[in-house]
Amino acid sequence: MARLYADEFPLPVVKILRTLGHDVLTVQEANKAEQKIPDNEVLSYAISLNRAVLTLNRHDFIRLHKQNTQHQGIIICKSN
């Protein structure tokens, strides 16, 4: 199953992903919530943990992917 780093992602979805067997680490669990950490550092942290980023932040993470494709993945969702 997937190893994910959830960047300010809705907790109910995280819980569902876990029940499906995915290994999801949230920014809250990593003690990185509400610190205004730049998105490039979020991606770097996920890379260091060998995890794909799970985010709602479409614009910034598409830009980051174009700058650096050497990551485990970026899963972008939209809330509506």
PDB file of N, CA and C in Angstrom:
ATOM      1  N   MET A   1       0.830  -1.194   0.000  1.00  0.00           N
ATOM      2  CA  MET A   1       0.000   0.000   0.000  1.00  0.00           C
ATOM      3  C   MET A   1       0.876   1.260   0.000  1.00  0.00           C
ATOM      4  N   ALA A   2       0.241   2.395  -0.172  1.00  0.00           N
ATOM      5  CA  ALA A   2       0.960   3.664  -0.304  1.00  0.00           C
ATOM      6  C   ALA A   2       1.428   4.197   1.041  1.00  0.00           C
ATOM      7  N   ARG A   3       2.593   4.850   0.988  1.00  0.00           N
ATOM      8  CA  ARG A   3       3.116   5.604   2.131  1.00  0.00           C
ATOM      9  C   ARG A   3       2.903   7.078   1.802  1.00  0.00           C
ATOM     10  N   LEU A   4       2.057   7.741   2.599  1.00  0.00           N
ATOM     11  CA  LEU A   4       1.638   9.104   2.282  1.00  0.00           C
ATOM     12  C   LEU A   4       1.983  10.076   3.402  1.00  0.00           C
ATOM     13  N   TYR A   5       2.220  11.318   3.012  1.00  0.00           N
ATOM     14  CA  TYR A   5       2.386  12.420   3.955  1.00  0.00           C
ATOM     15  C   TYR A   5       1.263  13.405   3.660  1.00  0.00           C
ATOM     16  N   ALA A   6       0.302  13.509   4.566  1.00  0.00           N
ATOM     17  CA  ALA A   6      -0.895  14.326   4.366  1.00  0.00           C
ATOM     18  C   ALA A   6      -0.643  15.763   4.812  1.00  0.00           C
ATOM     19  N   ASP A   7      -0.633  16.658   3.844  1.00  0.00           N
ATOM     20  CA  ASP A   7      -0.375  18.078   4.068  1.00  0.00           C
ATOM     21  C   ASP A   7      -1.689  18.809   4.328  1.00  0.00           C
ATOM     22  N   GLU A   8      -2.001  19.021   5.622  1.00  0.00           N
ATOM     23  CA  GLU A   8      -3.228  19.732   6.008  1.00  0.00           C
ATOM     24  C   GLU A   8      -4.450  19.132   5.308  1.00  0.00           C
ATOM     25  N   PHE A   9      -4.563  17.839   5.355  1.00  0.00           N
ATOM     26  CA  PHE A   9      -5.611  17.105   4.651  1.00  0.00           C
ATOM     27  C   PHE A   9      -6.728  16.741   5.619  1.00  0.00           C
ATOM     28  N   PRO A  10      -7.971  16.671   5.165  1.00  0.00           N
ATOM     29  CA  PRO A  10      -9.090  16.363   6.063  1.00  0.00           C
ATOM     30  C   PRO A  10      -8.906  15.011   6.786  1.00  0.00           C
ATOM     31  N   LEU A  11      -9.003  15.045   8.095  1.00  0.00           N
ATOM     32  CA  LEU A  11      -8.791  13.854   8.911  1.00  0.00           C
ATOM     33  C   LEU A  11      -9.749  12.707   8.575  1.00  0.00           C
ATOM     34  N   PRO A  12     -11.030  12.957   8.273  1.00  0.00           N
ATOM     35  CA  PRO A  12     -11.898  11.829   7.912  1.00  0.00           C
ATOM     36  C   PRO A  12     -11.380  11.041   6.707  1.00  0.00           C
ATOM     37  N   VAL A  13     -10.796  11.730   5.749  1.00  0.00           N
ATOM     38  CA  VAL A  13     -10.248  11.047   4.573  1.00  0.00           C
ATOM     39  C   VAL A  13      -9.008  10.249   4.972  1.00  0.00           C
ATOM     40  N   VAL A  14      -8.172  10.838   5.820  1.00  0.00           N
ATOM     41  CA  VAL A  14      -6.988  10.131   6.314  1.00  0.00           C
ATOM     42  C   VAL A  14      -7.407   8.829   6.996  1.00  0.00           C
ATOM     43  N   LYS A  15      -8.438   8.900   7.826  1.00  0.00           N
ATOM     44  CA  LYS A  15      -8.906   7.702   8.527  1.00  0.00           C
ATOM     45  C   LYS A  15      -9.387   6.635   7.557  1.00  0.00           C
ATOM     46  N   ILE A  16     -10.092   7.037   6.507  1.00  0.00           N
ATOM     47  CA  ILE A  16     -10.553   6.085   5.499  1.00  0.00           C
ATOM     48  C   ILE A  16      -9.368   5.440   4.794  1.00  0.00           C
ATOM     49  N   LEU A  17      -8.389   6.248   4.421  1.00  0.00           N
ATOM     50  CA  LEU A  17      -7.203   5.709   3.759  1.00  0.00           C
ATOM     51  C   LEU A  17      -6.502   4.682   4.643  1.00  0.00           C
ATOM     52  N   ARG A  18      -6.439   4.962   5.931  1.00  0.00           N
ATOM     53  CA  ARG A  18      -5.811   4.018   6.857  1.00  0.00           C
ATOM     54  C   ARG A  18      -6.593   2.711   6.952  1.00  0.00           C
ATOM     55  N   THR A  19      -7.921   2.803   6.959  1.00  0.00           N
ATOM     56  CA  THR A  19      -8.713   1.568   7.028  1.00  0.00           C
ATOM     57  C   THR A  19      -8.521   0.731   5.762  1.00  0.00           C
ATOM     58  N   LEU A  20      -8.124   1.376   4.672  1.00  0.00           N
ATOM     59  CA  LEU A  20      -7.847   0.669   3.427  1.00  0.00           C
ATOM     60  C   LEU A  20      -6.422   0.127   3.372  1.00  0.00           C
ATOM     61  N   GLY A  21      -5.666   0.366   4.442  1.00  0.00           N
ATOM     62  CA  GLY A  21      -4.327  -0.196   4.546  1.00  0.00           C
ATOM     63  C   GLY A  21      -3.181   0.729   4.191  1.00  0.00           C
ATOM     64  N   HIS A  22      -3.474   1.990   3.897  1.00  0.00           N
ATOM     65  CA  HIS A  22      -2.406   2.929   3.556  1.00  0.00           C
ATOM     66  C   HIS A  22      -1.730   3.462   4.818  1.00  0.00           C
ATOM     67  N   ASP A  23      -0.442   3.722   4.701  1.00  0.00           N
ATOM     68  CA  ASP A  23       0.364   4.267   5.787  1.00  0.00           C
ATOM     69  C   ASP A  23       0.374   5.784   5.623  1.00  0.00           C
ATOM     70  N   VAL A  24      -0.420   6.480   6.422  1.00  0.00           N
ATOM     71  CA  VAL A  24      -0.578   7.928   6.270  1.00  0.00           C
ATOM     72  C   VAL A  24      -0.045   8.631   7.517  1.00  0.00           C
ATOM     73  N   LEU A  25       0.902   9.531   7.292  1.00  0.00           N
ATOM     74  CA  LEU A  25       1.433  10.396   8.343  1.00  0.00           C
ATOM     75  C   LEU A  25       0.891  11.794   8.087  1.00  0.00           C
ATOM     76  N   THR A  26       0.271  12.398   9.085  1.00  0.00           N
ATOM     77  CA  THR A  26      -0.261  13.758   8.919  1.00  0.00           C
ATOM     78  C   THR A  26       0.766  14.785   9.398  1.00  0.00           C
ATOM     79  N   VAL A  27       0.603  16.016   8.946  1.00  0.00           N
ATOM     80  CA  VAL A  27       1.492  17.074   9.418  1.00  0.00           C
ATOM     81  C   VAL A  27       1.334  17.272  10.925  1.00  0.00           C
ATOM     82  N   GLN A  28       0.129  17.018  11.429  1.00  0.00           N
ATOM     83  CA  GLN A  28      -0.083  17.132  12.873  1.00  0.00           C
ATOM     84  C   GLN A  28       0.734  16.089  13.628  1.00  0.00           C
ATOM     85  N   GLU A  29       0.726  14.865  13.138  1.00  0.00           N
ATOM     86  CA  GLU A  29       1.488  13.793  13.790  1.00  0.00           C
ATOM     87  C   GLU A  29       2.993  14.023  13.691  1.00  0.00           C
ATOM     88  N   ALA A  30       3.412  14.716  12.649  1.00  0.00           N
ATOM     89  CA  ALA A  30       4.826  15.026  12.461  1.00  0.00           C
ATOM     90  C   ALA A  30       5.229  16.309  13.194  1.00  0.00           C
ATOM     91  N   ASN A  31       4.304  16.881  13.954  1.00  0.00           N
ATOM     92  CA  ASN A  31       4.534  18.133  14.689  1.00  0.00           C
ATOM     93  C   ASN A  31       4.947  19.274  13.761  1.00  0.00           C
ATOM     94  N   LYS A  32       4.310  19.342  12.596  1.00  0.00           N
ATOM     95  CA  LYS A  32       4.615  20.390  11.634  1.00  0.00           C
ATOM     96  C   LYS A  32       3.378  21.182  11.222  1.00  0.00           C
ATOM     97  N   ALA A  33       2.295  21.021  11.940  1.00  0.00           N
ATOM     98  CA  ALA A  33       1.043  21.711  11.605  1.00  0.00           C
ATOM     99  C   ALA A  33       1.080  23.168  12.048  1.00  0.00           C
ATOM    100  N   GLU A  34       0.365  23.998  11.287  1.00  0.00           N
ATOM    101  CA  GLU A  34       0.171  25.415  11.614  1.00  0.00           C
ATOM    102  C   GLU A  34       1.471  26.166  11.858  1.00  0.00           C
ATOM    103  N   GLN A  35       2.505  25.812  11.102  1.00  0.00           N
ATOM    104  CA  GLN A  35       3.800  26.496  11.224  1.00  0.00           C
ATOM    105  C   GLN A  35       4.154  27.284   9.967  1.00  0.00           C
ATOM    106  N   LYS A  36       3.233  27.288   9.005  1.00  0.00           N
ATOM    107  CA  LYS A  36       3.463  28.001   7.743  1.00  0.00           C
ATOM    108  C   LYS A  36       4.766  27.553   7.076  1.00  0.00           C
ATOM    109  N   ILE A  37       4.983  26.247   7.082  1.00  0.00           N
ATOM    110  CA  ILE A  37       6.165  25.680   6.438  1.00  0.00           C
ATOM    111  C   ILE A  37       5.993  25.813   4.930  1.00  0.00           C
ATOM    112  N   PRO A  38       6.997  26.347   4.252  1.00  0.00           N
ATOM    113  CA  PRO A  38       6.880  26.505   2.791  1.00  0.00           C
ATOM    114  C   PRO A  38       6.645  25.154   2.101  1.00  0.00           C
ATOM    115  N   ASP A  39       5.894  25.190   1.020  1.00  0.00           N
ATOM    116  CA  ASP A  39       5.531  23.959   0.324  1.00  0.00           C
ATOM    117  C   ASP A  39       6.747  23.171  -0.158  1.00  0.00           C
ATOM    118  N   ASN A  40       7.804  23.866  -0.577  1.00  0.00           N
ATOM    119  CA  ASN A  40       8.992  23.135  -1.010  1.00  0.00           C
ATOM    120  C   ASN A  40       9.609  22.359   0.142  1.00  0.00           C
ATOM    121  N   GLU A  41       9.489  22.858   1.363  1.00  0.00           N
ATOM    122  CA  GLU A  41       9.993  22.130   2.528  1.00  0.00           C
ATOM    123  C   GLU A  41       9.074  20.962   2.884  1.00  0.00           C
ATOM    124  N   VAL A  42       7.779  21.120   2.660  1.00  0.00           N
ATOM    125  CA  VAL A  42       6.840  20.009   2.857  1.00  0.00           C
ATOM    126  C   VAL A  42       7.221  18.870   1.924  1.00  0.00           C
ATOM    127  N   LEU A  43       7.468  19.194   0.663  1.00  0.00           N
ATOM    128  CA  LEU A  43       7.860  18.174  -0.305  1.00  0.00           C
ATOM    129  C   LEU A  43       9.198  17.554   0.066  1.00  0.00           C
ATOM    130  N   SER A  44      10.150  18.356   0.468  1.00  0.00           N
ATOM    131  CA  SER A  44      11.464  17.831   0.870  1.00  0.00           C
ATOM    132  C   SER A  44      11.339  16.886   2.055  1.00  0.00           C
ATOM    133  N   TYR A  45      10.491  17.234   3.002  1.00  0.00           N
ATOM    134  CA  TYR A  45      10.283  16.370   4.165  1.00  0.00           C
ATOM    135  C   TYR A  45       9.669  15.040   3.739  1.00  0.00           C
ATOM    136  N   ALA A  46       8.675  15.095   2.859  1.00  0.00           N
ATOM    137  CA  ALA A  46       8.062  13.864   2.351  1.00  0.00           C
ATOM    138  C   ALA A  46       9.098  13.010   1.626  1.00  0.00           C
ATOM    139  N   ILE A  47       9.942  13.641   0.839  1.00  0.00           N
ATOM    140  CA  ILE A  47      11.004  12.911   0.134  1.00  0.00           C
ATOM    141  C   ILE A  47      11.925  12.229   1.138  1.00  0.00           C
ATOM    142  N   SER A  48      12.288  12.954   2.200  1.00  0.00           N
ATOM    143  CA  SER A  48      13.194  12.380   3.203  1.00  0.00           C
ATOM    144  C   SER A  48      12.585  11.171   3.908  1.00  0.00           C
ATOM    145  N   LEU A  49      11.253  11.106   3.955  1.00  0.00           N
ATOM    146  CA  LEU A  49      10.555   9.992   4.591  1.00  0.00           C
ATOM    147  C   LEU A  49      10.139   8.919   3.582  1.00  0.00           C
ATOM    148  N   ASN A  50      10.477   9.143   2.313  1.00  0.00           N
ATOM    149  CA  ASN A  50      10.102   8.206   1.246  1.00  0.00           C
ATOM    150  C   ASN A  50       8.582   8.057   1.153  1.00  0.00           C
ATOM    151  N   ARG A  51       7.880   9.195   1.209  1.00  0.00           N
ATOM    152  CA  ARG A  51       6.422   9.230   1.158  1.00  0.00           C
ATOM    153  C   ARG A  51       5.951  10.151   0.043  1.00  0.00           C
ATOM    154  N   ALA A  52       4.794   9.844  -0.508  1.00  0.00           N
ATOM    155  CA  ALA A  52       4.131  10.731  -1.459  1.00  0.00           C
ATOM    156  C   ALA A  52       3.344  11.776  -0.678  1.00  0.00           C
ATOM    157  N   VAL A  53       3.247  12.963  -1.231  1.00  0.00           N
ATOM    158  CA  VAL A  53       2.480  14.037  -0.602  1.00  0.00           C
ATOM    159  C   VAL A  53       1.008  13.908  -1.010  1.00  0.00           C
ATOM    160  N   LEU A  54       0.148  14.071  -0.040  1.00  0.00           N
ATOM    161  CA  LEU A  54      -1.300  14.102  -0.249  1.00  0.00           C
ATOM    162  C   LEU A  54      -1.754  15.509   0.120  1.00  0.00           C
ATOM    163  N   THR A  55      -2.306  16.242  -0.839  1.00  0.00           N
ATOM    164  CA  THR A  55      -2.579  17.666  -0.600  1.00  0.00           C
ATOM    165  C   THR A  55      -3.821  18.152  -1.337  1.00  0.00           C
ATOM    166  N   LEU A  56      -4.336  19.268  -0.868  1.00  0.00           N
ATOM    167  CA  LEU A  56      -5.398  19.998  -1.550  1.00  0.00           C
ATOM    168  C   LEU A  56      -4.826  21.214  -2.284  1.00  0.00           C
ATOM    169  N   ASN A  57      -3.547  21.459  -2.111  1.00  0.00           N
ATOM    170  CA  ASN A  57      -2.885  22.643  -2.638  1.00  0.00           C
ATOM    171  C   ASN A  57      -2.407  22.386  -4.075  1.00  0.00           C
ATOM    172  N   ARG A  58      -3.316  22.475  -4.986  1.00  0.00           N
ATOM    173  CA  ARG A  58      -3.066  22.114  -6.380  1.00  0.00           C
ATOM    174  C   ARG A  58      -2.017  23.002  -7.039  1.00  0.00           C
ATOM    175  N   HIS A  59      -2.221  24.292  -6.977  1.00  0.00           N
ATOM    176  CA  HIS A  59      -1.368  25.240  -7.701  1.00  0.00           C
ATOM    177  C   HIS A  59       0.110  25.092  -7.318  1.00  0.00           C
ATOM    178  N   ASP A  60       0.391  25.149  -6.034  1.00  0.00           N
ATOM    179  CA  ASP A  60       1.785  25.139  -5.581  1.00  0.00           C
ATOM    180  C   ASP A  60       2.474  23.806  -5.819  1.00  0.00           C
ATOM    181  N   PHE A  61       1.761  22.708  -5.619  1.00  0.00           N
ATOM    182  CA  PHE A  61       2.419  21.416  -5.772  1.00  0.00           C
ATOM    183  C   PHE A  61       2.583  21.006  -7.235  1.00  0.00           C
ATOM    184  N   ILE A  62       1.749  21.493  -8.117  1.00  0.00           N
ATOM    185  CA  ILE A  62       1.995  21.275  -9.543  1.00  0.00           C
ATOM    186  C   ILE A  62       3.267  22.019  -9.950  1.00  0.00           C
ATOM    187  N   ARG A  63       3.407  23.228  -9.456  1.00  0.00           N
ATOM    188  CA  ARG A  63       4.616  24.019  -9.739  1.00  0.00           C
ATOM    189  C   ARG A  63       5.852  23.301  -9.196  1.00  0.00           C
ATOM    190  N   LEU A  64       5.765  22.786  -7.976  1.00  0.00           N
ATOM    191  CA  LEU A  64       6.906  22.092  -7.385  1.00  0.00           C
ATOM    192  C   LEU A  64       7.253  20.824  -8.154  1.00  0.00           C
ATOM    193  N   HIS A  65       6.248  20.119  -8.617  1.00  0.00           N
ATOM    194  CA  HIS A  65       6.514  18.915  -9.405  1.00  0.00           C
ATOM    195  C   HIS A  65       7.268  19.263 -10.688  1.00  0.00           C
ATOM    196  N   LYS A  66       6.899  20.362 -11.315  1.00  0.00           N
ATOM    197  CA  LYS A  66       7.588  20.780 -12.539  1.00  0.00           C
ATOM    198  C   LYS A  66       9.041  21.142 -12.271  1.00  0.00           C
ATOM    199  N   GLN A  67       9.332  21.601 -11.055  1.00  0.00           N
ATOM    200  CA  GLN A  67      10.697  21.966 -10.679  1.00  0.00           C
ATOM    201  C   GLN A  67      11.528  20.763 -10.262  1.00  0.00           C
ATOM    202  N   ASN A  68      10.861  19.745  -9.705  1.00  0.00           N
ATOM    203  CA  ASN A  68      11.580  18.590  -9.171  1.00  0.00           C
ATOM    204  C   ASN A  68      10.695  17.350  -9.287  1.00  0.00           C
ATOM    205  N   THR A  69      11.037  16.471 -10.199  1.00  0.00           N
ATOM    206  CA  THR A  69      10.251  15.246 -10.369  1.00  0.00           C
ATOM    207  C   THR A  69      10.821  14.078  -9.567  1.00  0.00           C
ATOM    208  N   GLN A  70      11.858  14.323  -8.781  1.00  0.00           N
ATOM    209  CA  GLN A  70      12.493  13.272  -7.994  1.00  0.00           C
ATOM    210  C   GLN A  70      11.829  13.159  -6.625  1.00  0.00           C
ATOM    211  N   HIS A  71      10.610  12.629  -6.625  1.00  0.00           N
ATOM    212  CA  HIS A  71       9.872  12.437  -5.381  1.00  0.00           C
ATOM    213  C   HIS A  71       9.042  11.169  -5.511  1.00  0.00           C
ATOM    214  N   GLN A  72       8.404  10.763  -4.445  1.00  0.00           N
ATOM    215  CA  GLN A  72       7.607   9.536  -4.433  1.00  0.00           C
ATOM    216  C   GLN A  72       6.212   9.728  -5.012  1.00  0.00           C
ATOM    217  N   GLY A  73       5.872  10.953  -5.302  1.00  0.00           N
ATOM    218  CA  GLY A  73       4.569  11.255  -5.876  1.00  0.00           C
ATOM    219  C   GLY A  73       3.898  12.400  -5.169  1.00  0.00           C
ATOM    220  N   ILE A  74       2.987  13.030  -5.864  1.00  0.00           N
ATOM    221  CA  ILE A  74       2.181  14.101  -5.307  1.00  0.00           C
ATOM    222  C   ILE A  74       0.741  13.793  -5.724  1.00  0.00           C
ATOM    223  N   ILE A  75      -0.101  13.551  -4.738  1.00  0.00           N
ATOM    224  CA  ILE A  75      -1.503  13.276  -4.995  1.00  0.00           C
ATOM    225  C   ILE A  75      -2.289  14.533  -4.645  1.00  0.00           C
ATOM    226  N   ILE A  76      -2.887  15.130  -5.652  1.00  0.00           N
ATOM    227  CA  ILE A  76      -3.608  16.369  -5.466  1.00  0.00           C
ATOM    228  C   ILE A  76      -5.103  16.083  -5.575  1.00  0.00           C
ATOM    229  N   CYS A  77      -5.832  16.484  -4.555  1.00  0.00           N
ATOM    230  CA  CYS A  77      -7.285  16.319  -4.547  1.00  0.00           C
ATOM    231  C   CYS A  77      -7.935  17.687  -4.481  1.00  0.00           C
ATOM    232  N   LYS A  78      -9.195  17.748  -4.810  1.00  0.00           N
ATOM    233  CA  LYS A  78      -9.924  18.993  -4.621  1.00  0.00           C
ATOM    234  C   LYS A  78     -11.074  18.740  -3.677  1.00  0.00           C
ATOM    235  N   SER A  79     -11.448  19.758  -2.943  1.00  0.00           N
ATOM    236  CA  SER A  79     -12.415  19.605  -1.864  1.00  0.00           C
ATOM    237  C   SER A  79     -13.874  19.645  -2.332  1.00  0.00           C
ATOM    238  N   ASN A  80     -14.129  20.073  -3.542  1.00  0.00           N
ATOM    239  CA  ASN A  80     -15.516  20.104  -4.014  1.00  0.00           C
ATOM    240  C   ASN A  80     -15.617  19.623  -5.434  1.00  0.00           C
TER     241      ASN A  80
END
